Amino acid sequence: MSHSAGPHPVAPSREDFTYFETITLRYADNDVNGHVNNAHYYSYFDTAVEGFLRATALRGVLAGEVFTPVVASSCRYFQEISYPGDVVLGVKLARLGKTSLTYEIAIFTTATGPTAAALGTFTTVCTNKESRRPTEIPAAVRTYFEQSLKPF
């Protein structure tokens, strides 16, 4: 996770991502301070990762073989976003573990141009549906990331 490491995180640019999901902001997303409340960012991350998994046909493999709960998430804010408007989320795999997948998700707006307004992480663990214990990432998912998205 190169962008969020170190004492002064750097906002990534659009060119760091290959998959994008557009979300229209809602009036209810804003809080009393006039910007999108931090809790909504995590909903956007979830939507964007799910869109990525569906677009790459990986959702069917993950849903069929394992359960994939989110075990960690984070967000670094670089610039405010607010209703009205759209946000574009870039998604990429940041880490491929033995049982876990960590995604980086960047939020872009027209106002921020090619630089992200926020950068999030979203980690899921492949879990056996019956035992609810971690299990290895399905082979088809691992192969997809090893062949399609190098380097991550």
N, C-alpha and C. Protein backbone atom coordinates (compact mmCIF):
# COMPACT_ATOMS: atom_id res chain seq x y z
N MET A 1 0.84 -1.17 0.00
CA MET A 1 0.00 0.00 0.00
C MET A 1 0.88 1.23 0.00
N SER A 2 1.48 1.49 -1.09
CA SER A 2 2.49 2.51 -1.23
C SER A 2 2.00 3.92 -0.94
N HIS A 3 0.75 4.21 -1.22
CA HIS A 3 0.28 5.58 -1.07
C HIS A 3 -0.01 5.96 0.37
N SER A 4 -0.36 4.99 1.21
CA SER A 4 -0.74 5.32 2.57
C SER A 4 0.38 5.08 3.57
N ALA A 5 1.51 4.54 3.13
CA ALA A 5 2.61 4.27 4.04
C ALA A 5 3.41 5.54 4.31
N GLY A 6 4.11 5.55 5.43
CA GLY A 6 4.99 6.66 5.74
C GLY A 6 4.30 7.76 6.52
N PRO A 7 5.07 8.75 6.97
CA PRO A 7 4.52 9.80 7.83
C PRO A 7 3.61 10.79 7.10
N HIS A 8 3.80 10.98 5.81
CA HIS A 8 2.99 11.91 5.04
C HIS A 8 2.40 11.21 3.83
N PRO A 9 1.21 10.61 4.01
CA PRO A 9 0.59 9.91 2.88
C PRO A 9 0.40 10.83 1.69
N VAL A 10 0.55 10.26 0.53
CA VAL A 10 0.40 11.00 -0.72
C VAL A 10 -0.88 10.54 -1.40
N ALA A 11 -1.67 11.50 -1.87
CA ALA A 11 -2.90 11.16 -2.58
C ALA A 11 -2.54 10.54 -3.92
N PRO A 12 -3.11 9.37 -4.22
CA PRO A 12 -2.82 8.73 -5.52
C PRO A 12 -3.49 9.47 -6.66
N SER A 13 -3.11 9.14 -7.87
CA SER A 13 -3.73 9.73 -9.05
C SER A 13 -4.55 8.67 -9.79
N ARG A 14 -5.40 9.13 -10.68
CA ARG A 14 -6.26 8.21 -11.44
C ARG A 14 -5.46 7.17 -12.21
N GLU A 15 -4.29 7.53 -12.67
CA GLU A 15 -3.48 6.60 -13.47
C GLU A 15 -3.01 5.39 -12.66
N ASP A 16 -3.14 5.44 -11.34
CA ASP A 16 -2.76 4.31 -10.48
C ASP A 16 -3.82 3.20 -10.47
N PHE A 17 -4.96 3.45 -11.11
CA PHE A 17 -6.09 2.51 -11.05
C PHE A 17 -6.57 2.16 -12.46
N THR A 18 -7.13 0.95 -12.58
CA THR A 18 -7.65 0.52 -13.88
C THR A 18 -9.15 0.27 -13.86
N TYR A 19 -9.74 0.09 -12.68
CA TYR A 19 -11.19 -0.10 -12.58
C TYR A 19 -11.79 1.12 -11.88
N PHE A 20 -12.91 1.61 -12.41
CA PHE A 20 -13.58 2.78 -11.84
C PHE A 20 -15.07 2.54 -11.70
N GLU A 21 -15.63 3.04 -10.62
CA GLU A 21 -17.06 2.94 -10.32
C GLU A 21 -17.55 4.35 -10.00
N THR A 22 -18.63 4.80 -10.65
CA THR A 22 -19.17 6.12 -10.39
C THR A 22 -20.36 6.02 -9.45
N ILE A 23 -20.39 6.89 -8.45
CA ILE A 23 -21.49 6.93 -7.48
C ILE A 23 -22.00 8.36 -7.41
N THR A 24 -23.32 8.52 -7.49
CA THR A 24 -23.94 9.83 -7.36
C THR A 24 -24.16 10.12 -5.88
N LEU A 25 -23.65 11.25 -5.43
CA LEU A 25 -23.83 11.64 -4.03
C LEU A 25 -25.28 12.01 -3.79
N ARG A 26 -25.72 11.75 -2.56
CA ARG A 26 -27.09 12.08 -2.16
C ARG A 26 -27.07 13.24 -1.17
N TYR A 27 -28.14 13.98 -1.11
CA TYR A 27 -28.26 15.09 -0.17
C TYR A 27 -28.01 14.58 1.26
N ALA A 28 -28.52 13.41 1.57
CA ALA A 28 -28.40 12.84 2.92
C ALA A 28 -26.96 12.44 3.27
N ASP A 29 -26.06 12.38 2.28
CA ASP A 29 -24.66 12.03 2.56
C ASP A 29 -23.93 13.15 3.30
N ASN A 30 -24.37 14.40 3.11
CA ASN A 30 -23.73 15.53 3.79
C ASN A 30 -24.10 15.55 5.27
N ASP A 31 -23.19 16.05 6.07
CA ASP A 31 -23.47 16.22 7.48
C ASP A 31 -23.62 17.69 7.83
N VAL A 32 -23.71 18.01 9.09
CA VAL A 32 -23.92 19.38 9.54
C VAL A 32 -22.77 20.31 9.13
N ASN A 33 -21.61 19.76 8.84
CA ASN A 33 -20.46 20.55 8.41
C ASN A 33 -20.48 20.86 6.91
N GLY A 34 -21.47 20.33 6.20
CA GLY A 34 -21.61 20.63 4.78
C GLY A 34 -20.77 19.78 3.86
N HIS A 35 -20.20 18.70 4.39
CA HIS A 35 -19.45 17.77 3.53
C HIS A 35 -19.92 16.34 3.81
N VAL A 36 -19.52 15.43 2.94
CA VAL A 36 -19.93 14.03 3.11
C VAL A 36 -19.39 13.51 4.43
N ASN A 37 -20.27 12.93 5.22
CA ASN A 37 -19.89 12.36 6.50
C ASN A 37 -18.95 11.18 6.29
N ASN A 38 -17.97 11.06 7.16
CA ASN A 38 -16.94 10.02 7.00
C ASN A 38 -17.52 8.60 6.92
N ALA A 39 -18.62 8.33 7.57
CA ALA A 39 -19.19 6.98 7.55
C ALA A 39 -19.62 6.57 6.14
N HIS A 40 -20.00 7.52 5.32
CA HIS A 40 -20.46 7.20 3.96
C HIS A 40 -19.31 6.73 3.07
N TYR A 41 -18.10 7.16 3.35
CA TYR A 41 -16.97 6.74 2.53
C TYR A 41 -16.85 5.22 2.52
N TYR A 42 -17.11 4.57 3.66
CA TYR A 42 -16.99 3.12 3.74
C TYR A 42 -18.07 2.43 2.92
N SER A 43 -19.24 3.02 2.84
CA SER A 43 -20.29 2.49 1.97
C SER A 43 -19.86 2.59 0.51
N TYR A 44 -19.23 3.70 0.14
CA TYR A 44 -18.73 3.86 -1.22
C TYR A 44 -17.66 2.81 -1.53
N PHE A 45 -16.77 2.57 -0.57
CA PHE A 45 -15.72 1.57 -0.77
C PHE A 45 -16.33 0.20 -1.02
N ASP A 46 -17.30 -0.16 -0.21
CA ASP A 46 -17.97 -1.45 -0.34
C ASP A 46 -18.62 -1.59 -1.71
N THR A 47 -19.30 -0.55 -2.15
CA THR A 47 -19.95 -0.56 -3.46
C THR A 47 -18.93 -0.69 -4.58
N ALA A 48 -17.83 0.03 -4.49
CA ALA A 48 -16.82 0.00 -5.55
C ALA A 48 -16.11 -1.35 -5.62
N VAL A 49 -15.78 -1.95 -4.48
CA VAL A 49 -15.13 -3.26 -4.49
C VAL A 49 -16.09 -4.30 -5.05
N GLU A 50 -17.34 -4.24 -4.66
CA GLU A 50 -18.33 -5.18 -5.20
C GLU A 50 -18.48 -5.00 -6.71
N GLY A 51 -18.49 -3.77 -7.18
CA GLY A 51 -18.54 -3.51 -8.62
C GLY A 51 -17.34 -4.10 -9.34
N PHE A 52 -16.17 -3.94 -8.75
CA PHE A 52 -14.95 -4.52 -9.31
C PHE A 52 -15.04 -6.04 -9.39
N LEU A 53 -15.49 -6.68 -8.32
CA LEU A 53 -15.60 -8.14 -8.30
C LEU A 53 -16.62 -8.64 -9.33
N ARG A 54 -17.70 -7.92 -9.50
CA ARG A 54 -18.70 -8.31 -10.51
C ARG A 54 -18.18 -8.09 -11.92
N ALA A 55 -17.50 -6.98 -12.15
CA ALA A 55 -16.97 -6.67 -13.49
C ALA A 55 -15.90 -7.66 -13.93
N THR A 56 -15.17 -8.22 -12.98
CA THR A 56 -14.10 -9.16 -13.30
C THR A 56 -14.56 -10.62 -13.19
N ALA A 57 -15.84 -10.84 -12.88
CA ALA A 57 -16.43 -12.17 -12.70
C ALA A 57 -15.84 -12.92 -11.51
N LEU A 58 -15.19 -12.22 -10.60
CA LEU A 58 -14.64 -12.86 -9.41
C LEU A 58 -15.68 -13.04 -8.31
N ARG A 59 -16.75 -12.26 -8.33
CA ARG A 59 -17.77 -12.38 -7.29
C ARG A 59 -18.38 -13.77 -7.28
N GLY A 60 -18.66 -14.33 -8.45
CA GLY A 60 -19.24 -15.67 -8.52
C GLY A 60 -18.35 -16.72 -7.90
N VAL A 61 -17.06 -16.61 -8.13
CA VAL A 61 -16.11 -17.57 -7.55
C VAL A 61 -16.06 -17.40 -6.04
N LEU A 62 -15.95 -16.16 -5.58
CA LEU A 62 -15.86 -15.93 -4.14
C LEU A 62 -17.16 -16.31 -3.43
N ALA A 63 -18.29 -16.00 -4.02
CA ALA A 63 -19.58 -16.33 -3.40
C ALA A 63 -19.83 -17.83 -3.40
N GLY A 64 -19.31 -18.52 -4.41
CA GLY A 64 -19.56 -19.95 -4.50
C GLY A 64 -18.71 -20.79 -3.57
N GLU A 65 -17.46 -20.39 -3.38
CA GLU A 65 -16.54 -21.23 -2.63
C GLU A 65 -16.32 -20.80 -1.18
N VAL A 66 -16.39 -19.50 -0.92
CA VAL A 66 -16.05 -19.01 0.41
C VAL A 66 -16.97 -17.86 0.82
N PHE A 67 -16.86 -17.51 2.06
CA PHE A 67 -17.51 -16.35 2.65
C PHE A 67 -16.39 -15.33 2.80
N THR A 68 -16.61 -14.04 2.49
CA THR A 68 -15.52 -13.06 2.52
C THR A 68 -15.86 -11.84 3.39
N PRO A 69 -15.82 -12.01 4.70
CA PRO A 69 -16.10 -10.86 5.57
C PRO A 69 -14.98 -9.82 5.51
N VAL A 70 -15.36 -8.58 5.71
CA VAL A 70 -14.38 -7.50 5.82
C VAL A 70 -13.81 -7.56 7.23
N VAL A 71 -12.49 -7.57 7.34
CA VAL A 71 -11.85 -7.65 8.65
C VAL A 71 -11.11 -6.37 9.03
N ALA A 72 -10.88 -5.49 8.05
CA ALA A 72 -10.23 -4.22 8.34
C ALA A 72 -10.54 -3.23 7.22
N SER A 73 -10.63 -1.97 7.59
CA SER A 73 -10.80 -0.92 6.60
C SER A 73 -10.23 0.37 7.18
N SER A 74 -9.87 1.27 6.29
CA SER A 74 -9.32 2.54 6.73
C SER A 74 -9.61 3.60 5.68
N CYS A 75 -9.45 4.85 6.06
CA CYS A 75 -9.62 5.94 5.10
C CYS A 75 -8.72 7.10 5.49
N ARG A 76 -8.04 7.63 4.51
CA ARG A 76 -7.22 8.84 4.66
C ARG A 76 -7.86 9.91 3.79
N TYR A 77 -8.18 11.04 4.40
CA TYR A 77 -8.87 12.13 3.70
C TYR A 77 -7.86 13.19 3.27
N PHE A 78 -7.94 13.60 2.02
CA PHE A 78 -7.05 14.63 1.49
C PHE A 78 -7.80 15.92 1.16
N GLN A 79 -9.08 15.79 0.80
CA GLN A 79 -9.88 16.95 0.43
C GLN A 79 -11.34 16.63 0.67
N GLU A 80 -12.12 17.62 1.08
CA GLU A 80 -13.55 17.42 1.31
C GLU A 80 -14.28 17.11 0.00
N ILE A 81 -15.34 16.33 0.13
CA ILE A 81 -16.29 16.15 -0.96
C ILE A 81 -17.67 16.47 -0.42
N SER A 82 -18.57 16.92 -1.29
CA SER A 82 -19.91 17.24 -0.81
C SER A 82 -20.93 17.12 -1.93
N TYR A 83 -22.18 16.92 -1.50
CA TYR A 83 -23.32 16.90 -2.39
C TYR A 83 -23.52 18.31 -2.91
N PRO A 84 -23.94 18.53 -4.14
CA PRO A 84 -24.30 17.56 -5.16
C PRO A 84 -23.08 17.16 -5.99
N GLY A 85 -23.24 16.09 -6.74
CA GLY A 85 -22.20 15.67 -7.65
C GLY A 85 -22.01 14.18 -7.66
N ASP A 86 -21.04 13.77 -8.42
CA ASP A 86 -20.67 12.36 -8.51
C ASP A 86 -19.25 12.20 -7.99
N VAL A 87 -18.97 11.01 -7.50
CA VAL A 87 -17.60 10.64 -7.18
C VAL A 87 -17.25 9.43 -8.03
N VAL A 88 -15.99 9.33 -8.39
CA VAL A 88 -15.50 8.19 -9.15
C VAL A 88 -14.49 7.49 -8.26
N LEU A 89 -14.72 6.20 -8.04
CA LEU A 89 -13.84 5.43 -7.18
C LEU A 89 -12.96 4.52 -8.02
N GLY A 90 -11.68 4.59 -7.80
CA GLY A 90 -10.73 3.69 -8.43
C GLY A 90 -10.44 2.55 -7.48
N VAL A 91 -10.41 1.33 -7.99
CA VAL A 91 -10.16 0.14 -7.17
C VAL A 91 -8.98 -0.62 -7.73
N LYS A 92 -8.11 -1.08 -6.82
CA LYS A 92 -7.03 -1.98 -7.23
C LYS A 92 -6.68 -2.88 -6.06
N LEU A 93 -6.08 -4.02 -6.38
CA LEU A 93 -5.62 -4.91 -5.33
C LEU A 93 -4.28 -4.38 -4.82
N ALA A 94 -4.18 -4.21 -3.51
CA ALA A 94 -2.95 -3.72 -2.90
C ALA A 94 -2.11 -4.85 -2.33
N ARG A 95 -2.78 -5.93 -1.89
CA ARG A 95 -2.05 -7.05 -1.30
C ARG A 95 -2.84 -8.34 -1.51
N LEU A 96 -2.13 -9.36 -1.94
CA LEU A 96 -2.69 -10.70 -2.12
C LEU A 96 -2.01 -11.60 -1.10
N GLY A 97 -2.74 -11.96 -0.06
CA GLY A 97 -2.18 -12.82 0.98
C GLY A 97 -2.53 -14.28 0.73
N LYS A 98 -2.31 -15.11 1.73
CA LYS A 98 -2.66 -16.52 1.62
C LYS A 98 -4.17 -16.71 1.74
N THR A 99 -4.78 -15.96 2.67
CA THR A 99 -6.23 -16.05 2.88
C THR A 99 -6.93 -14.71 2.71
N SER A 100 -6.18 -13.63 2.57
CA SER A 100 -6.79 -12.30 2.54
C SER A 100 -6.48 -11.53 1.27
N LEU A 101 -7.39 -10.60 0.97
CA LEU A 101 -7.26 -9.68 -0.16
C LEU A 101 -7.41 -8.26 0.40
N THR A 102 -6.46 -7.40 0.10
CA THR A 102 -6.57 -6.00 0.52
C THR A 102 -6.63 -5.13 -0.72
N TYR A 103 -7.68 -4.33 -0.79
CA TYR A 103 -7.90 -3.43 -1.91
C TYR A 103 -7.57 -2.00 -1.48
N GLU A 104 -7.11 -1.20 -2.42
CA GLU A 104 -7.02 0.24 -2.23
C GLU A 104 -8.13 0.86 -3.07
N ILE A 105 -8.81 1.83 -2.48
CA ILE A 105 -9.90 2.50 -3.16
C ILE A 105 -9.68 4.00 -3.04
N ALA A 106 -9.61 4.68 -4.17
CA ALA A 106 -9.42 6.12 -4.17
C ALA A 106 -10.70 6.79 -4.65
N ILE A 107 -11.01 7.93 -4.04
CA ILE A 107 -12.19 8.69 -4.43
C ILE A 107 -11.74 9.94 -5.18
N PHE A 108 -12.27 10.10 -6.38
CA PHE A 108 -11.95 11.25 -7.23
C PHE A 108 -13.21 12.06 -7.49
N THR A 109 -13.04 13.37 -7.67
CA THR A 109 -14.14 14.26 -8.04
C THR A 109 -13.66 15.16 -9.16
N THR A 110 -14.59 15.87 -9.74
CA THR A 110 -14.22 16.86 -10.75
C THR A 110 -13.30 17.91 -10.14
N ALA A 111 -13.58 18.29 -8.91
CA ALA A 111 -12.79 19.32 -8.23
C ALA A 111 -11.36 18.88 -7.95
N THR A 112 -11.17 17.59 -7.68
CA THR A 112 -9.81 17.13 -7.35
C THR A 112 -9.04 16.74 -8.59
N GLY A 113 -9.70 16.66 -9.74
CA GLY A 113 -9.02 16.31 -10.97
C GLY A 113 -8.39 14.93 -10.90
N PRO A 114 -7.12 14.82 -11.29
CA PRO A 114 -6.48 13.51 -11.31
C PRO A 114 -5.98 13.02 -9.96
N THR A 115 -6.12 13.84 -8.91
CA THR A 115 -5.63 13.48 -7.58
C THR A 115 -6.80 13.09 -6.68
N ALA A 116 -6.63 12.06 -5.89
CA ALA A 116 -7.70 11.55 -5.04
C ALA A 116 -8.05 12.51 -3.91
N ALA A 117 -9.34 12.56 -3.59
CA ALA A 117 -9.82 13.30 -2.43
C ALA A 117 -9.67 12.46 -1.17
N ALA A 118 -9.66 11.12 -1.33
CA ALA A 118 -9.52 10.20 -0.20
C ALA A 118 -8.96 8.88 -0.70
N LEU A 119 -8.31 8.18 0.20
CA LEU A 119 -7.77 6.85 -0.12
C LEU A 119 -8.14 5.90 1.00
N GLY A 120 -8.78 4.80 0.62
CA GLY A 120 -9.19 3.81 1.60
C GLY A 120 -8.55 2.47 1.36
N THR A 121 -8.60 1.64 2.40
CA THR A 121 -8.22 0.23 2.27
C THR A 121 -9.40 -0.61 2.76
N PHE A 122 -9.47 -1.80 2.23
CA PHE A 122 -10.59 -2.69 2.48
C PHE A 122 -10.03 -4.11 2.43
N THR A 123 -9.97 -4.80 3.56
CA THR A 123 -9.39 -6.14 3.61
C THR A 123 -10.47 -7.17 3.91
N THR A 124 -10.53 -8.21 3.07
CA THR A 124 -11.45 -9.32 3.28
C THR A 124 -10.63 -10.59 3.50
N VAL A 125 -11.21 -11.53 4.23
CA VAL A 125 -10.56 -12.82 4.46
C VAL A 125 -11.46 -13.91 3.93
N CYS A 126 -10.89 -14.77 3.10
CA CYS A 126 -11.63 -15.93 2.59
C CYS A 126 -11.84 -16.89 3.76
N THR A 127 -13.09 -17.25 3.97
CA THR A 127 -13.48 -18.02 5.14
C THR A 127 -14.33 -19.20 4.70
N ASN A 128 -14.08 -20.36 5.29
CA ASN A 128 -14.88 -21.54 5.03
C ASN A 128 -16.32 -21.27 5.47
N LYS A 129 -17.28 -21.54 4.60
CA LYS A 129 -18.68 -21.23 4.90
C LYS A 129 -19.22 -22.01 6.10
N GLU A 130 -18.73 -23.21 6.32
CA GLU A 130 -19.24 -24.02 7.43
C GLU A 130 -18.52 -23.72 8.74
N SER A 131 -17.20 -23.73 8.72
CA SER A 131 -16.44 -23.55 9.95
C SER A 131 -16.23 -22.09 10.33
N ARG A 132 -16.38 -21.20 9.34
CA ARG A 132 -16.12 -19.76 9.54
C ARG A 132 -14.67 -19.47 9.92
N ARG A 133 -13.78 -20.37 9.50
CA ARG A 133 -12.34 -20.20 9.73
C ARG A 133 -11.68 -19.80 8.42
N PRO A 134 -10.58 -19.05 8.49
CA PRO A 134 -9.88 -18.65 7.26
C PRO A 134 -9.47 -19.86 6.42
N THR A 135 -9.56 -19.67 5.11
CA THR A 135 -9.16 -20.70 4.17
C THR A 135 -8.45 -20.03 3.00
N GLU A 136 -7.70 -20.80 2.24
CA GLU A 136 -6.94 -20.21 1.14
C GLU A 136 -7.84 -19.54 0.10
N ILE A 137 -7.31 -18.50 -0.50
CA ILE A 137 -8.00 -17.80 -1.58
C ILE A 137 -8.26 -18.81 -2.70
N PRO A 138 -9.48 -18.87 -3.26
CA PRO A 138 -9.75 -19.80 -4.36
C PRO A 138 -8.73 -19.64 -5.50
N ALA A 139 -8.35 -20.74 -6.09
CA ALA A 139 -7.31 -20.76 -7.13
C ALA A 139 -7.64 -19.81 -8.28
N ALA A 140 -8.89 -19.76 -8.71
CA ALA A 140 -9.25 -18.90 -9.84
C ALA A 140 -9.04 -17.42 -9.50
N VAL A 141 -9.29 -17.05 -8.26
CA VAL A 141 -9.10 -15.66 -7.83
C VAL A 141 -7.61 -15.35 -7.77
N ARG A 142 -6.84 -16.23 -7.16
CA ARG A 142 -5.39 -16.03 -7.08
C ARG A 142 -4.79 -15.93 -8.48
N THR A 143 -5.18 -16.82 -9.38
CA THR A 143 -4.66 -16.81 -10.75
C THR A 143 -5.01 -15.50 -11.45
N TYR A 144 -6.24 -15.03 -11.28
CA TYR A 144 -6.64 -13.77 -11.90
C TYR A 144 -5.69 -12.64 -11.47
N PHE A 145 -5.47 -12.51 -10.18
CA PHE A 145 -4.64 -11.41 -9.70
C PHE A 145 -3.16 -11.60 -10.05
N GLU A 146 -2.70 -12.81 -10.00
CA GLU A 146 -1.28 -13.04 -10.35
C GLU A 146 -1.01 -12.78 -11.83
N GLN A 147 -1.97 -13.06 -12.68
CA GLN A 147 -1.76 -12.89 -14.12
C GLN A 147 -2.22 -11.53 -14.65
N SER A 148 -3.26 -10.97 -14.07
CA SER A 148 -3.88 -9.77 -14.65
C SER A 148 -3.45 -8.45 -14.05
N LEU A 149 -3.07 -8.45 -12.81
CA LEU A 149 -2.86 -7.17 -12.14
C LEU A 149 -1.45 -6.98 -11.60
N LYS A 150 -0.47 -7.60 -12.16
CA LYS A 150 0.89 -7.38 -11.70
C LYS A 150 1.35 -6.00 -12.09
N PRO A 151 2.14 -5.32 -11.31
CA PRO A 151 2.41 -5.63 -9.91
C PRO A 151 1.33 -5.00 -9.02
N PHE A 152 1.21 -5.52 -7.84
CA PHE A 152 0.28 -4.93 -6.87
C PHE A 152 0.99 -4.79 -5.54
